[in-house]
């Protein structure tokens, strides 16, 4: 599992930015051209392309060019890996908190009965 962590780090780093999260969300509705994706953002196209480059480098977005139009598609594998990691963390902490609850109840019962 340690080998997957650098890719996971890249995914979380890419998703740390609200512009990139918005692009991922937009692509969740389906493929879109770069100009369609850039439209809602008040930034120069070169700045937007830097965000897109980060998403491509971590594998969240794939692009293809047909003529003058560059179309972006969401790749779900990095999101699935992040979801798997988050679920494992949630499961671990749920177990730990359940153990803490049982211990607190046990101590309370001992205090009341002792």
Protein backbone atom coordinates (compact mmCIF):
# COMPACT_ATOMS: atom_id res chain seq x y z
CA UNK A 1 0.00 0.00 0.00
CA UNK A 2 2.95 2.35 0.56
CA UNK A 3 3.67 2.38 -3.17
CA UNK A 4 0.24 3.94 -3.83
CA UNK A 5 0.80 6.84 -1.43
CA UNK A 6 2.69 9.19 -3.81
CA UNK A 7 -0.21 9.00 -6.28
CA UNK A 8 -2.63 9.54 -3.41
CA UNK A 9 -0.59 12.55 -2.27
CA UNK A 10 -0.81 14.00 -5.78
CA UNK A 11 -4.58 13.44 -5.88
CA UNK A 12 -5.16 15.19 -2.55
CA UNK A 13 -2.79 18.01 -3.52
CA UNK A 14 -4.72 18.54 -6.76
CA UNK A 15 -8.06 18.47 -4.95
CA UNK A 16 -6.85 20.97 -2.34
CA UNK A 17 -7.58 23.83 -4.74
CA UNK A 18 -11.20 25.00 -5.17
CA UNK A 19 -10.76 25.70 -8.90
CA UNK A 20 -9.52 22.18 -9.54
CA UNK A 21 -12.31 20.69 -7.41
CA UNK A 22 -14.83 22.66 -9.48
CA UNK A 23 -13.29 21.31 -12.69
CA UNK A 24 -13.49 17.73 -11.37
CA UNK A 25 -17.11 18.34 -10.39
CA UNK A 26 -17.92 19.73 -13.84
CA UNK A 27 -16.26 16.77 -15.54
CA UNK A 28 -18.33 14.47 -13.35
CA UNK A 29 -21.25 15.51 -15.54
CA UNK A 30 -19.38 14.46 -18.68
CA UNK A 31 -16.51 15.42 -21.00
CA UNK A 32 -16.05 19.09 -21.81
CA UNK A 33 -13.77 21.28 -23.86
CA UNK A 34 -11.12 23.40 -22.16
CA UNK A 35 -12.96 26.57 -23.14
CA UNK A 36 -16.23 25.25 -21.62
CA UNK A 37 -14.43 24.36 -18.41
CA UNK A 38 -12.61 27.70 -18.21
CA UNK A 39 -15.71 29.81 -18.84
CA UNK A 40 -17.01 30.05 -15.23
CA UNK A 41 -13.65 31.18 -13.84
CA UNK A 42 -12.46 34.76 -13.78
CA UNK A 43 -8.87 34.05 -14.72
CA UNK A 44 -6.70 34.20 -17.79
CA UNK A 45 -6.64 31.04 -19.90
CA UNK A 46 -2.93 30.38 -19.17
CA UNK A 47 -3.71 30.38 -15.44
CA UNK A 48 -6.61 27.99 -15.96
CA UNK A 49 -4.38 25.74 -18.07
CA UNK A 50 -1.97 25.47 -15.12
CA UNK A 51 -4.83 24.06 -13.02
CA UNK A 52 -5.69 21.64 -15.79
CA UNK A 53 -2.04 20.57 -16.02
CA UNK A 54 -2.03 19.66 -12.30
CA UNK A 55 -5.17 17.56 -12.79
CA UNK A 56 -3.63 15.81 -15.79
CA UNK A 57 -0.33 15.13 -14.04
CA UNK A 58 -2.02 13.38 -11.12
CA UNK A 59 -4.20 11.35 -13.49
CA UNK A 60 -7.58 12.87 -12.57
CA UNK A 61 -8.12 14.30 -16.06
CA UNK A 62 -7.31 12.96 -19.51
CA UNK A 63 -7.34 15.21 -22.56
CA UNK A 64 -7.51 14.58 -26.27
CA UNK A 65 -7.25 17.01 -29.11
CA UNK A 66 -9.46 16.87 -32.19
CA UNK A 67 -8.59 19.67 -34.57
CA UNK A 68 -8.49 22.87 -32.51
CA UNK A 69 -10.66 21.54 -29.67
CA UNK A 70 -9.09 19.97 -26.62
CA UNK A 71 -11.62 17.81 -24.73
CA UNK A 72 -11.17 16.79 -21.10
CA UNK A 73 -12.50 13.65 -19.47
CA UNK A 74 -12.56 12.71 -15.79
CA UNK A 75 -10.60 9.61 -14.85
CA UNK A 76 -12.15 7.92 -11.83
CA UNK A 77 -9.23 5.72 -10.71
CA UNK A 78 -7.48 8.37 -8.57
CA UNK A 79 -10.79 9.35 -6.97
CA UNK A 80 -11.55 5.70 -6.23
CA UNK A 81 -8.13 5.29 -4.60
CA UNK A 82 -8.71 8.40 -2.45
CA UNK A 83 -12.17 7.14 -1.50
CA UNK A 84 -10.74 3.74 -0.53
CA UNK A 85 -8.09 5.39 1.67
CA UNK A 86 -10.65 7.69 3.32
CA UNK A 87 -13.00 4.75 3.97
CA UNK A 88 -10.18 2.79 5.59
CA UNK A 89 -9.43 5.77 7.85
CA UNK A 90 -13.10 6.19 8.73
CA UNK A 91 -13.39 2.51 9.58
CA UNK A 92 -10.28 2.62 11.77
CA UNK A 93 -11.44 5.67 13.70
CA UNK A 94 -14.97 4.35 14.09
CA UNK A 95 -13.56 1.18 15.72
CA UNK A 96 -11.31 3.24 17.98
CA UNK A 97 -14.12 5.54 19.06
CA UNK A 98 -16.38 2.55 19.70
CA UNK A 99 -13.68 1.08 21.95
CA UNK A 100 -13.38 4.39 23.79
CA UNK A 101 -17.17 4.52 24.28
CA UNK A 102 -17.16 0.99 25.72
CA UNK A 103 -14.32 1.88 28.08
CA UNK A 104 -16.07 5.07 29.23
CA UNK A 105 -19.29 3.13 29.90
CA UNK A 106 -17.36 0.44 31.75
CA UNK A 107 -15.63 3.03 33.95
CA UNK A 108 -18.93 4.81 34.60
CA UNK A 109 -20.59 1.53 35.62
CA UNK A 110 -17.68 0.68 37.93
CA UNK A 111 -17.90 4.12 39.50
CA UNK A 112 -21.66 3.82 40.05
CA UNK A 113 -21.43 0.28 41.41
CA UNK A 114 -18.21 0.59 43.32
